[in-house]
Protein backbone atom coordinates (compact mmCIF):
# COMPACT_ATOMS: atom_id res chain seq x y z
CA MET A 1 -16.89 7.24 -10.68
CA LYS A 2 -17.39 9.43 -7.62
CA GLU A 3 -13.67 10.31 -7.23
CA LEU A 4 -13.57 11.64 -10.78
CA GLU A 5 -16.57 13.90 -10.13
CA ILE A 6 -15.07 15.16 -6.85
CA LEU A 7 -11.84 16.13 -8.63
CA MET A 8 -13.82 17.83 -11.39
CA ALA A 9 -15.63 19.83 -8.66
CA ASP A 10 -12.14 21.13 -7.79
CA ARG A 11 -11.72 22.57 -11.29
CA CYS A 12 -9.85 19.59 -12.76
CA THR A 13 -10.69 18.76 -16.33
CA LYS A 14 -11.90 15.22 -16.92
CA ALA A 15 -8.52 14.33 -18.45
CA GLU A 16 -6.62 15.78 -15.48
CA ALA A 17 -8.86 13.93 -13.02
CA GLU A 18 -8.41 10.66 -14.93
CA ASN A 19 -4.64 11.20 -14.90
CA TYR A 20 -4.60 11.70 -11.12
CA LEU A 21 -6.66 8.55 -10.63
CA SER A 22 -4.65 6.45 -13.09
CA LYS A 23 -2.60 3.70 -11.47
CA SER A 24 0.24 4.37 -13.91
CA SER A 25 0.34 8.11 -13.22
CA SER A 26 3.35 9.66 -11.50
CA SER A 27 0.92 12.16 -9.96
CA SER A 28 -1.35 11.00 -7.21
CA VAL A 29 -4.21 12.28 -5.15
CA LEU A 30 -5.83 11.39 -1.84
CA ILE A 31 -9.47 12.22 -1.25
CA TYR A 32 -10.60 12.35 2.37
CA GLU A 33 -14.34 11.90 2.93
CA ASN A 34 -13.85 13.51 6.33
CA PRO A 35 -11.41 16.46 6.25
CA GLU A 36 -10.45 15.76 9.88
CA GLU A 37 -8.89 12.49 8.66
CA TRP A 38 -6.24 14.61 6.91
CA ILE A 39 -5.23 16.19 10.22
CA GLN A 40 -5.08 12.75 11.82
CA SER A 41 -2.94 11.39 8.97
CA LEU A 42 -0.46 14.23 9.53
CA LYS A 43 -0.34 13.45 13.24
CA ASP A 44 0.09 9.72 12.54
CA CYS A 45 3.14 10.30 10.33
CA GLY A 46 4.66 12.94 12.62
CA CYS A 47 4.13 15.65 10.01
CA TYR A 48 1.62 17.76 11.93
CA GLU A 49 2.72 21.39 12.28
CA GLY A 50 -0.52 23.01 13.40
CA GLN A 51 -2.38 22.73 10.09
CA THR A 52 -6.12 23.36 10.32
CA ILE A 53 -9.14 22.60 8.18
CA SER A 54 -10.02 26.32 8.23
CA GLU A 55 -6.66 27.14 6.64
CA ALA A 56 -7.20 24.41 4.05
CA LYS A 57 -10.61 25.90 3.18
CA ASN A 58 -8.93 29.29 2.70
CA ASN A 59 -6.41 27.82 0.23
CA SER A 60 -3.46 28.30 2.60
CA TYR A 61 -1.83 25.08 1.40
CA PRO A 62 -0.91 24.81 -2.30
CA ASP A 63 -1.57 21.07 -2.64
CA ILE A 64 -4.74 20.90 -0.52
CA SER A 65 -8.31 21.71 -1.56
CA VAL A 66 -11.61 21.44 0.23
CA VAL A 67 -14.61 21.00 -2.06
CA ASN A 68 -18.31 20.56 -1.55
CA PHE A 69 -19.73 17.78 -3.71
CA GLU A 70 -23.33 16.61 -3.37
CA ASN A 71 -23.70 18.51 -0.07
CA HIS A 72 -20.67 16.80 1.44
CA GLU A 73 -17.27 18.31 2.15
CA TYR A 74 -14.16 16.50 0.88
CA LEU A 75 -10.50 17.33 1.35
CA ILE A 76 -8.23 16.62 -1.60
CA GLU A 77 -4.48 16.26 -1.21
CA TYR A 78 -2.52 16.43 -4.46
CA ALA A 79 0.98 14.99 -4.66
CA ASN A 80 3.39 15.06 -7.58
């Protein structure tokens, strides 16, 4: 499962990644194949406050990670 491997590339253990991906989990995660989609989703919901991909790459947001997996950049948004 590609999503599981992407989460594990972000330092999740296999069990943590499985928990995030579990349908019955209270925790959830969104994985954006194109990090720019995250910015657009913020704009679409009226939540955009000037966030940038560069800031996300520099760990400026506690629930956002940008990882490189198989030579592709993904943005991960964790929600609890």
